[in-house]
């Protein structure tokens, strides 16, 4: 009886294991099918992918002697499912990669497809860790852009510095925590595509903040940080703003993605006025950079600068503005920094008043002349723009000139589209946010805080758009 009971018990255990194994097989198949119906595998969280892969590995290592007759067929079906997934992911990644390398496609499309390829290969490599082809495609050295950084002194000699990278959240303009990449000269180092700030801290004192947007158009980025002999005086004459929380106003007259959003600002400095023609000429003479677009209408450049050198420089692109700022040891302000400086923590509608109906001050009331063509636009600028340090009655309490009017101003920040999905936003690295209006702002009822967007290409440089510089209070 004891033997019979023992045999029956053993049979019961085996039967239980068989039914449990069958249940796991069916659960595995249904999990994979449900996952594929729910979303492409590459879009699932990595742990979910690993979990599905783990089910198959567990089945392969099980004791086959206790499986039901149809279990082998089910395992084969599982393997076919995974094989199909592998081919699907590989094709999806390679197709995206091919589009990202097609120079005939718009840069924004190439950027999007490059990111899609990287994520697809990374997820596929997690799911199929033994697959050498997928592992190679997902290697940072081959899949990601690289960043190299060199630090030079005023004579052009190499100097020692530490290089840090901070991710900038494009949809909020918030700057993330920085992490150390290495020391200069920094050899090409893989970095994630996106929007970053590179901070170079010189061993001899001082620092630089460089913009970095690695992606399909910039796969091998090489930056140079130049230390100035007068490093300690770079912020002389700039206005200081303390750090703290800043909330973008939710204005009834403005509809854009950042309204109502709060972020933490670090202490920063901002130029009291826009960069002038005279300032920009110093940069051109020092670096050999090209002149602004409309200076071609001035046959006597020396006379032009003597007469109009204190007007805000225009006819420069966003990339020209970035180049000037880096030469000056500064950078462009983020959208949040610009708004904080112009509107204060209370989000004033005007630089000088909390009353939206206060009489206009400053250079904001001239009607747009519409003289036509480049020569006409240039003549209008010469007639309407005023010196960068004029109209003190329209300054902010801190002393910033022309935050409203004179010329519109570039910021460092990307344009952000609000997606159809609530709460989602999509940045466009090819366009940047501008604020402030120009000399005609009041006559066309343009608000100081109304964002506009301009491209970063060499031809996005109208006669009403200039810039001022910013600098973080510390690295």
Protein backbone atom coordinates (compact mmCIF):
# COMPACT_ATOMS: atom_id res chain seq x y z
CA UNK A 1 0.00 0.00 0.00
CA UNK A 2 2.82 2.31 0.86
CA UNK A 3 4.44 1.63 -2.53
CA UNK A 4 1.16 2.23 -4.34
CA UNK A 5 0.61 5.43 -2.42
CA UNK A 6 4.15 6.57 -3.21
CA UNK A 7 3.69 5.80 -6.91
CA UNK A 8 0.38 7.62 -6.97
CA UNK A 9 1.97 10.59 -5.23
CA UNK A 10 4.82 10.63 -7.75
CA UNK A 11 2.36 10.41 -10.64
CA UNK A 12 0.41 13.28 -9.13
CA UNK A 13 3.57 15.40 -8.85
CA UNK A 14 4.50 14.65 -12.48
CA UNK A 15 0.97 15.43 -13.65
CA UNK A 16 1.04 18.70 -11.72
CA UNK A 17 4.38 19.65 -13.32
CA UNK A 18 3.07 18.82 -16.80
CA UNK A 19 -0.02 20.95 -16.36
CA UNK A 20 2.06 23.78 -14.87
CA UNK A 21 4.48 23.60 -17.79
CA UNK A 22 1.61 23.68 -20.27
CA UNK A 23 0.16 26.69 -18.48
CA UNK A 24 3.51 28.49 -18.67
CA UNK A 25 3.81 27.71 -22.38
CA UNK A 26 0.36 29.08 -23.13
CA UNK A 27 1.00 32.09 -20.91
CA UNK A 28 4.26 32.73 -22.78
CA UNK A 29 2.61 32.57 -26.17
CA UNK A 30 -0.26 34.78 -25.08
CA UNK A 31 2.14 37.27 -23.48
CA UNK A 32 4.11 37.61 -26.69
CA UNK A 33 1.02 37.89 -28.84
CA UNK A 34 -0.53 40.44 -26.48
CA UNK A 35 2.69 42.45 -26.39
CA UNK A 36 2.91 42.53 -30.18
CA UNK A 37 -0.72 43.57 -30.44
CA UNK A 38 -0.21 46.25 -27.79
CA UNK A 39 2.85 47.91 -29.34
CA UNK A 40 6.01 47.10 -31.31
CA UNK A 41 8.39 45.31 -28.99
CA UNK A 42 10.96 48.10 -29.31
CA UNK A 43 8.48 50.46 -27.65
CA UNK A 44 7.93 48.23 -24.60
CA UNK A 45 9.88 48.86 -21.38
CA UNK A 46 13.20 46.93 -21.41
CA UNK A 47 12.23 44.85 -18.36
CA UNK A 48 9.07 43.69 -20.15
CA UNK A 49 11.17 42.63 -23.12
CA UNK A 50 13.63 40.77 -20.91
CA UNK A 51 10.73 39.09 -19.16
CA UNK A 52 9.39 37.70 -22.42
CA UNK A 53 12.83 36.54 -23.44
CA UNK A 54 13.31 34.94 -20.03
CA UNK A 55 10.18 32.84 -20.49
CA UNK A 56 11.65 31.18 -23.55
CA UNK A 57 15.00 30.59 -21.83
CA UNK A 58 13.24 28.97 -18.86
CA UNK A 59 11.30 26.67 -21.16
CA UNK A 60 14.44 25.57 -22.99
CA UNK A 61 16.11 24.60 -19.72
CA UNK A 62 13.11 22.68 -18.36
CA UNK A 63 13.00 18.91 -18.03
CA UNK A 64 11.59 17.83 -21.39
CA UNK A 65 10.63 14.41 -20.10
CA UNK A 66 7.64 15.77 -18.25
CA UNK A 67 6.29 17.88 -21.10
CA UNK A 68 3.12 16.98 -22.90
CA UNK A 69 3.36 15.74 -26.48
CA UNK A 70 2.46 19.11 -27.98
CA UNK A 71 4.95 21.06 -25.84
CA UNK A 72 7.77 20.81 -28.39
CA UNK A 73 5.52 22.30 -31.05
CA UNK A 74 4.67 25.15 -28.72
CA UNK A 75 8.35 25.81 -28.00
CA UNK A 76 9.01 25.86 -31.75
CA UNK A 77 6.18 28.32 -32.18
CA UNK A 78 7.71 30.48 -29.46
CA UNK A 79 11.04 30.38 -31.25
CA UNK A 80 9.39 31.34 -34.52
CA UNK A 81 7.70 34.24 -32.75
CA UNK A 82 11.04 35.46 -31.42
CA UNK A 83 12.71 34.95 -34.79
CA UNK A 84 10.03 37.06 -36.45
CA UNK A 85 10.45 39.73 -33.78
CA UNK A 86 14.20 39.78 -34.31
CA UNK A 87 13.80 40.30 -38.07
CA UNK A 88 11.12 42.91 -37.51
CA UNK A 89 13.34 44.91 -35.14
CA UNK A 90 16.40 44.60 -37.36
CA UNK A 91 14.52 45.80 -40.44
CA UNK A 92 12.90 48.65 -38.53
CA UNK A 93 16.26 49.82 -37.18
CA UNK A 94 18.10 49.53 -40.50
CA UNK A 95 15.33 51.35 -42.37
CA UNK A 96 15.45 54.21 -39.85
CA UNK A 97 19.24 54.31 -40.03
CA UNK A 98 19.15 54.54 -43.84
CA UNK A 99 16.77 57.52 -43.70
CA UNK A 100 18.94 59.26 -41.09
CA UNK A 101 21.93 59.07 -43.46
CA UNK A 102 20.03 60.36 -46.48
CA UNK A 103 21.24 63.94 -47.00
CA UNK A 104 18.26 64.65 -49.25
CA UNK A 105 15.91 64.37 -46.26
CA UNK A 106 15.24 67.36 -43.96
CA UNK A 107 17.54 67.49 -40.96
CA UNK A 108 14.63 67.22 -38.54
CA UNK A 109 13.47 63.98 -40.19
CA UNK A 110 17.02 62.61 -40.11
CA UNK A 111 17.31 63.46 -36.41
CA UNK A 112 14.05 61.71 -35.60
CA UNK A 113 14.96 58.59 -37.60
CA UNK A 114 18.44 58.42 -36.08
CA UNK A 115 16.97 58.41 -32.59
CA UNK A 116 14.42 55.78 -33.62
CA UNK A 117 17.20 53.54 -34.98
CA UNK A 118 19.28 53.88 -31.82
CA UNK A 119 16.41 52.98 -29.52
CA UNK A 120 15.36 50.06 -31.73
CA UNK A 121 18.86 48.55 -31.79
CA UNK A 122 19.33 49.08 -28.05
CA UNK A 123 16.07 47.31 -27.25
CA UNK A 124 16.76 44.52 -29.73
CA UNK A 125 20.20 43.91 -28.19
CA UNK A 126 18.57 43.61 -24.76
CA UNK A 127 16.06 41.11 -26.07
CA UNK A 128 18.64 39.05 -28.01
CA UNK A 129 21.85 39.37 -25.96
CA UNK A 130 23.53 36.48 -27.82
CA UNK A 131 23.01 38.12 -31.24
CA UNK A 132 26.36 39.60 -32.31
CA UNK A 133 24.93 41.64 -35.19
CA UNK A 134 22.46 43.41 -32.92
CA UNK A 135 25.11 43.93 -30.23
CA UNK A 136 27.41 45.63 -32.76
CA UNK A 137 24.63 47.88 -34.05
CA UNK A 138 23.87 48.96 -30.48
CA UNK A 139 27.49 49.73 -29.52
CA UNK A 140 27.87 53.38 -28.43
CA UNK A 141 31.04 53.72 -30.52
CA UNK A 142 29.12 53.02 -33.72
CA UNK A 143 25.59 54.07 -32.83
CA UNK A 144 26.06 57.40 -31.06
CA UNK A 145 27.58 60.74 -32.04
CA UNK A 146 30.97 61.60 -30.55
CA UNK A 147 32.14 64.73 -28.77
CA UNK A 148 35.75 65.95 -28.62
CA UNK A 149 36.79 69.04 -26.64
CA UNK A 150 39.98 71.07 -26.63
CA UNK A 151 40.90 73.92 -24.25
CA UNK A 152 43.22 76.73 -25.34
CA UNK A 153 44.63 79.85 -23.72
CA UNK A 154 44.68 83.30 -25.33
CA UNK A 155 47.83 82.41 -27.29
CA UNK A 156 46.31 79.22 -28.72
CA UNK A 157 48.30 76.83 -26.53
CA UNK A 158 46.56 73.80 -25.05
CA UNK A 159 45.64 74.03 -21.37
CA UNK A 160 44.11 71.64 -18.85
CA UNK A 161 40.38 71.69 -18.13
CA UNK A 162 37.61 69.36 -17.02
CA UNK A 163 34.67 68.74 -19.35
CA UNK A 164 31.13 68.30 -18.02
CA UNK A 165 27.92 67.49 -19.88
CA UNK A 166 24.40 68.55 -18.85
CA UNK A 167 21.24 67.52 -20.65
CA UNK A 168 18.82 70.35 -21.41
CA UNK A 169 15.14 69.44 -21.37
CA UNK A 170 14.06 71.04 -24.63
CA UNK A 171 10.37 71.09 -23.76
CA UNK A 172 10.97 73.05 -20.52
CA UNK A 173 14.42 74.69 -21.13
CA UNK A 174 15.51 73.26 -17.77
CA UNK A 175 19.20 72.34 -17.41
CA UNK A 176 19.89 68.97 -15.81
CA UNK A 177 22.69 67.92 -13.49
CA UNK A 178 26.13 67.86 -15.06
CA UNK A 179 28.40 64.85 -15.10
CA UNK A 180 32.11 64.60 -15.81
CA UNK A 181 33.10 63.42 -19.28
CA UNK A 182 36.85 63.73 -18.76
CA UNK A 183 39.77 66.13 -19.08
CA UNK A 184 41.07 68.05 -22.08
CA UNK A 185 42.12 67.25 -24.65
CA UNK A 186 39.00 65.07 -24.61
CA UNK A 187 39.20 62.35 -27.26
CA UNK A 188 36.01 61.62 -29.27
CA UNK A 189 33.58 60.32 -26.65
CA UNK A 190 30.15 58.78 -27.41
CA UNK A 191 27.24 60.94 -26.23
CA UNK A 192 23.50 60.58 -26.57
CA UNK A 193 21.82 62.53 -29.36
CA UNK A 194 19.86 65.48 -28.04
CA UNK A 195 20.32 68.94 -26.58
CA UNK A 196 23.23 69.42 -24.18
CA UNK A 197 25.35 72.07 -22.53
CA UNK A 198 29.07 71.39 -22.38
CA UNK A 199 30.77 73.14 -19.46
CA UNK A 200 34.56 73.41 -19.67
CA UNK A 201 36.16 74.34 -16.33
CA UNK A 202 39.70 75.65 -16.78
CA UNK A 203 42.33 74.50 -14.30
CA UNK A 204 43.68 78.05 -14.24
CA UNK A 205 40.24 79.46 -13.36
CA UNK A 206 37.11 80.38 -15.28
CA UNK A 207 34.78 78.29 -17.42
CA UNK A 208 32.98 78.16 -20.75
CA UNK A 209 29.46 76.97 -21.61
CA UNK A 210 29.13 75.58 -25.12
CA UNK A 211 25.97 74.46 -26.88
CA UNK A 212 25.95 70.91 -28.23
CA UNK A 213 23.21 69.32 -30.37
CA UNK A 214 24.60 65.96 -31.53
CA UNK A 215 22.53 64.23 -34.18
CA UNK A 216 22.57 63.13 -37.83
CA UNK A 217 23.95 66.43 -39.09
CA UNK A 218 26.61 66.55 -36.35
CA UNK A 219 27.88 63.04 -35.68
CA UNK A 220 31.47 64.05 -34.95
CA UNK A 221 31.42 67.22 -32.85
CA UNK A 222 34.68 68.99 -32.01
CA UNK A 223 34.46 71.97 -29.65
CA UNK A 224 37.13 74.45 -28.63
CA UNK A 225 36.96 76.40 -25.36
CA UNK A 226 39.26 79.43 -25.30
CA UNK A 227 40.27 80.96 -22.00
CA UNK A 228 40.64 84.74 -21.92
CA UNK A 229 43.46 86.60 -20.23
CA UNK A 230 40.86 88.77 -18.44
CA UNK A 231 38.68 85.84 -17.36
CA UNK A 232 37.71 87.48 -14.06
CA UNK A 233 36.19 90.53 -15.80
CA UNK A 234 33.90 88.73 -18.28
CA UNK A 235 30.75 89.49 -16.27
CA UNK A 236 31.66 93.13 -15.66
CA UNK A 237 28.66 95.28 -16.53
CA UNK A 238 26.29 92.31 -16.67
CA UNK A 239 23.19 92.11 -14.48
CA UNK A 240 23.05 89.42 -11.77
CA UNK A 241 19.93 87.32 -11.20
CA UNK A 242 19.60 84.92 -8.25
CA UNK A 243 18.60 81.31 -8.66
CA UNK A 244 15.24 79.93 -7.65
CA UNK A 245 11.92 78.70 -8.99
CA UNK A 246 10.46 80.47 -12.00
CA UNK A 247 6.99 79.84 -13.42
CA UNK A 248 6.09 80.75 -16.99
CA UNK A 249 2.94 82.85 -16.84
CA UNK A 250 -0.33 81.40 -18.08
CA UNK A 251 -1.32 84.46 -20.12
CA UNK A 252 -4.77 84.66 -21.66
CA UNK A 253 -3.36 86.34 -24.78
CA UNK A 254 -0.55 83.81 -25.36
CA UNK A 255 -0.96 80.12 -26.13
CA UNK A 256 2.25 78.11 -26.00
CA UNK A 257 3.58 74.91 -24.53
CA UNK A 258 5.59 76.39 -21.63
CA UNK A 259 2.80 78.44 -20.03
CA UNK A 260 2.25 77.51 -16.39
CA UNK A 261 5.40 75.38 -16.23
CA UNK A 262 7.74 75.81 -13.24
CA UNK A 263 11.45 75.06 -13.26
CA UNK A 264 14.43 75.76 -11.04
CA UNK A 265 16.80 78.40 -12.40
CA UNK A 266 20.44 78.59 -11.38
CA UNK A 267 21.97 82.03 -10.67
CA UNK A 268 22.97 83.76 -13.91
CA UNK A 269 24.18 87.00 -15.46
CA UNK A 270 22.57 88.80 -18.40
CA UNK A 271 23.87 91.62 -20.58
CA UNK A 272 22.20 94.93 -19.78
CA UNK A 273 21.77 95.63 -23.49
CA UNK A 274 21.79 93.95 -26.87
CA UNK A 275 25.10 93.21 -28.60
CA UNK A 276 25.96 96.25 -30.71
CA UNK A 277 27.43 96.62 -34.19
CA UNK A 278 30.67 97.79 -32.60
CA UNK A 279 30.79 94.76 -30.31
CA UNK A 280 30.24 92.44 -33.24
CA UNK A 281 32.95 94.10 -35.34
CA UNK A 282 35.46 93.39 -32.54
CA UNK A 283 34.48 89.73 -32.77
CA UNK A 284 34.87 89.71 -36.57
CA UNK A 285 38.30 91.33 -36.37
CA UNK A 286 39.47 88.86 -33.70
CA UNK A 287 38.18 85.68 -35.36
CA UNK A 288 37.73 86.32 -39.08
CA UNK A 289 34.03 85.46 -38.79
CA UNK A 290 31.80 86.73 -41.59
CA UNK A 291 30.19 90.16 -41.36
CA UNK A 292 26.44 90.52 -40.80
CA UNK A 293 24.32 90.06 -43.90
CA UNK A 294 23.29 93.68 -44.47
CA UNK A 295 26.66 95.32 -44.01
CA UNK A 296 27.15 94.67 -47.72
CA UNK A 297 25.10 97.84 -48.26
CA UNK A 298 27.76 99.91 -46.45
CA UNK A 299 30.69 100.66 -48.78
CA UNK A 300 32.46 102.68 -46.06
CA UNK A 301 32.43 100.31 -43.08
CA UNK A 302 34.50 102.61 -40.88
CA UNK A 303 32.04 105.45 -41.36
CA UNK A 304 29.08 103.12 -40.79
CA UNK A 305 30.51 101.93 -37.46
CA UNK A 306 31.31 105.48 -36.38
CA UNK A 307 27.69 106.48 -37.03
CA UNK A 308 25.76 103.33 -36.15
CA UNK A 309 28.19 101.33 -34.01
CA UNK A 310 25.97 101.59 -30.93
CA UNK A 311 22.86 100.18 -32.66
CA UNK A 312 22.02 96.52 -31.99
CA UNK A 313 23.62 94.17 -34.48
CA UNK A 314 21.15 92.46 -36.85
CA UNK A 315 21.50 90.35 -39.97
CA UNK A 316 23.14 87.57 -37.96
CA UNK A 317 21.88 83.99 -37.69
CA UNK A 318 21.41 81.99 -34.51
CA UNK A 319 24.70 80.19 -35.17
CA UNK A 320 26.45 83.55 -35.65
CA UNK A 321 25.05 84.67 -32.29
CA UNK A 322 26.27 81.47 -30.60
CA UNK A 323 29.73 81.96 -32.12
CA UNK A 324 29.90 85.54 -30.81
CA UNK A 325 28.73 84.51 -27.35
CA UNK A 326 31.33 81.74 -27.10
CA UNK A 327 34.07 84.13 -28.23
CA UNK A 328 32.96 86.58 -25.53
CA UNK A 329 33.11 83.82 -22.89
CA UNK A 330 29.33 83.76 -22.58
CA UNK A 331 26.31 82.02 -24.13
CA UNK A 332 22.78 82.87 -25.22
CA UNK A 333 20.12 82.98 -22.49
CA UNK A 334 17.57 80.20 -22.24
CA UNK A 335 13.92 81.09 -22.77
CA UNK A 336 13.34 80.83 -19.02
CA UNK A 337 16.27 83.12 -18.18
CA UNK A 338 15.16 85.71 -20.74
CA UNK A 339 11.59 85.71 -19.41
CA UNK A 340 12.74 85.85 -15.79
CA UNK A 341 14.89 88.90 -16.56
CA UNK A 342 12.22 90.68 -18.62
CA UNK A 343 9.15 89.95 -16.50
CA UNK A 344 10.48 89.33 -13.00
CA UNK A 345 9.17 86.62 -10.70
CA UNK A 346 5.75 88.29 -10.80
CA UNK A 347 5.59 87.95 -14.62
CA UNK A 348 5.05 91.62 -15.43
CA UNK A 349 3.46 92.25 -18.84
CA UNK A 350 5.98 95.07 -19.39
CA UNK A 351 9.62 95.40 -18.29
CA UNK A 352 8.84 98.50 -16.25
CA UNK A 353 5.23 97.97 -15.08
CA UNK A 354 2.77 95.38 -13.81
CA UNK A 355 -0.02 97.34 -15.50
CA UNK A 356 -0.73 95.91 -18.97
CA UNK A 357 -2.36 99.23 -19.94
CA UNK A 358 0.57 101.42 -18.90
CA UNK A 359 1.62 103.92 -21.58
CA UNK A 360 4.28 102.43 -23.86
CA UNK A 361 7.89 103.36 -23.18
CA UNK A 362 11.02 102.74 -25.15
CA UNK A 363 11.45 102.04 -28.84
CA UNK A 364 8.20 100.16 -29.49
CA UNK A 365 5.80 102.51 -31.28
CA UNK A 366 7.24 103.12 -34.75
CA UNK A 367 4.99 101.80 -37.52
CA UNK A 368 6.53 99.16 -39.77
CA UNK A 369 7.52 101.05 -42.90
CA UNK A 370 7.55 98.10 -45.28
CA UNK A 371 10.05 99.75 -47.62
CA UNK A 372 10.50 96.53 -49.57
CA UNK A 373 13.43 94.29 -50.35
CA UNK A 374 16.72 93.98 -48.52
CA UNK A 375 17.86 97.59 -49.17
CA UNK A 376 14.51 98.92 -47.92
CA UNK A 377 14.57 96.71 -44.82
CA UNK A 378 18.11 97.91 -44.06
CA UNK A 379 17.11 101.59 -44.43
CA UNK A 380 14.18 101.01 -42.09
CA UNK A 381 16.50 99.48 -39.49
CA UNK A 382 18.89 102.46 -39.70
CA UNK A 383 15.96 104.84 -39.21
CA UNK A 384 14.09 102.94 -36.49
CA UNK A 385 16.65 101.15 -34.29
CA UNK A 386 18.20 103.07 -31.38
CA UNK A 387 21.40 102.64 -29.32
CA UNK A 388 21.50 99.57 -27.09
CA UNK A 389 21.86 101.62 -23.88
CA UNK A 390 19.11 104.16 -24.63
CA UNK A 391 15.62 104.66 -23.13
CA UNK A 392 16.43 104.14 -19.44
CA UNK A 393 12.78 104.90 -18.63
CA UNK A 394 11.85 101.53 -20.18
CA UNK A 395 14.41 99.44 -18.26
CA UNK A 396 13.58 96.59 -15.91
CA UNK A 397 14.12 97.24 -12.18
CA UNK A 398 17.52 95.53 -12.51
CA UNK A 399 18.52 97.82 -15.39
CA UNK A 400 18.04 95.71 -18.54
CA UNK A 401 17.48 97.87 -21.63
CA UNK A 402 15.11 97.06 -24.51
CA UNK A 403 13.66 93.81 -23.25
CA UNK A 404 10.61 95.08 -25.11
CA UNK A 405 11.19 96.75 -28.46
CA UNK A 406 14.18 97.94 -30.48
CA UNK A 407 14.99 94.47 -31.90
CA UNK A 408 13.69 90.99 -31.22
CA UNK A 409 16.18 88.68 -29.51
CA UNK A 410 17.39 85.11 -29.98
CA UNK A 411 17.46 82.68 -27.07
CA UNK A 412 19.35 79.42 -26.84
CA UNK A 413 16.13 77.40 -26.51
CA UNK A 414 14.53 75.18 -29.15
CA UNK A 415 11.07 75.67 -30.54
CA UNK A 416 8.64 73.20 -28.99
CA UNK A 417 5.47 71.91 -30.66
CA UNK A 418 2.61 70.77 -28.47
CA UNK A 419 1.76 67.21 -29.44
CA UNK A 420 -1.72 65.85 -29.93
CA UNK A 421 -1.25 63.80 -26.76
CA UNK A 422 -1.99 66.06 -23.74
CA UNK A 423 1.12 66.88 -21.75
CA UNK A 424 3.50 65.83 -24.55
CA UNK A 425 5.78 68.19 -26.44
CA UNK A 426 8.08 67.78 -29.42
CA UNK A 427 11.15 70.03 -29.78
CA UNK A 428 12.51 71.14 -33.14
CA UNK A 429 16.31 71.57 -33.08
CA UNK A 430 16.20 73.57 -36.33
CA UNK A 431 14.28 76.52 -34.85
CA UNK A 432 14.88 78.66 -31.76
CA UNK A 433 12.65 80.81 -29.57
CA UNK A 434 12.84 84.61 -29.85
CA UNK A 435 11.24 87.25 -27.61
CA UNK A 436 10.88 90.98 -27.12
CA UNK A 437 9.35 92.45 -30.25
CA UNK A 438 11.00 95.19 -32.30
CA UNK A 439 10.59 98.95 -32.83
CA UNK A 440 7.06 98.39 -34.17
CA UNK A 441 5.85 96.05 -31.37
CA UNK A 442 3.15 98.30 -29.87
CA UNK A 443 1.83 99.47 -33.23
CA UNK A 444 1.13 95.87 -34.25
CA UNK A 445 -0.02 94.88 -30.72
CA UNK A 446 2.80 92.43 -30.19
CA UNK A 447 3.42 91.42 -26.57
CA UNK A 448 6.92 91.39 -25.09
CA UNK A 449 6.42 87.79 -23.94
CA UNK A 450 4.92 86.49 -27.18
CA UNK A 451 7.30 83.80 -28.47
CA UNK A 452 8.30 83.63 -32.10
CA UNK A 453 10.49 81.05 -33.80
CA UNK A 454 13.38 81.48 -36.21
CA UNK A 455 15.51 78.89 -37.93
CA UNK A 456 19.20 78.36 -37.24
CA UNK A 457 20.26 78.42 -40.90
CA UNK A 458 22.53 81.11 -42.39
CA UNK A 459 19.64 82.94 -44.09
CA UNK A 460 17.48 83.32 -40.98
CA UNK A 461 18.86 86.77 -40.18
CA UNK A 462 16.32 89.59 -40.68
CA UNK A 463 16.87 93.26 -39.91
CA UNK A 464 14.71 93.25 -36.76
CA UNK A 465 16.39 90.33 -34.92
CA UNK A 466 19.44 90.59 -32.65
CA UNK A 467 20.59 89.08 -29.36
CA UNK A 468 22.16 89.62 -25.96
CA UNK A 469 24.35 87.25 -23.95
CA UNK A 470 24.09 85.42 -20.64
CA UNK A 471 26.46 83.46 -18.41
CA UNK A 472 25.89 81.16 -15.47
CA UNK A 473 27.13 82.53 -12.15
CA UNK A 474 29.33 79.47 -11.74
CA UNK A 475 30.18 76.21 -13.46
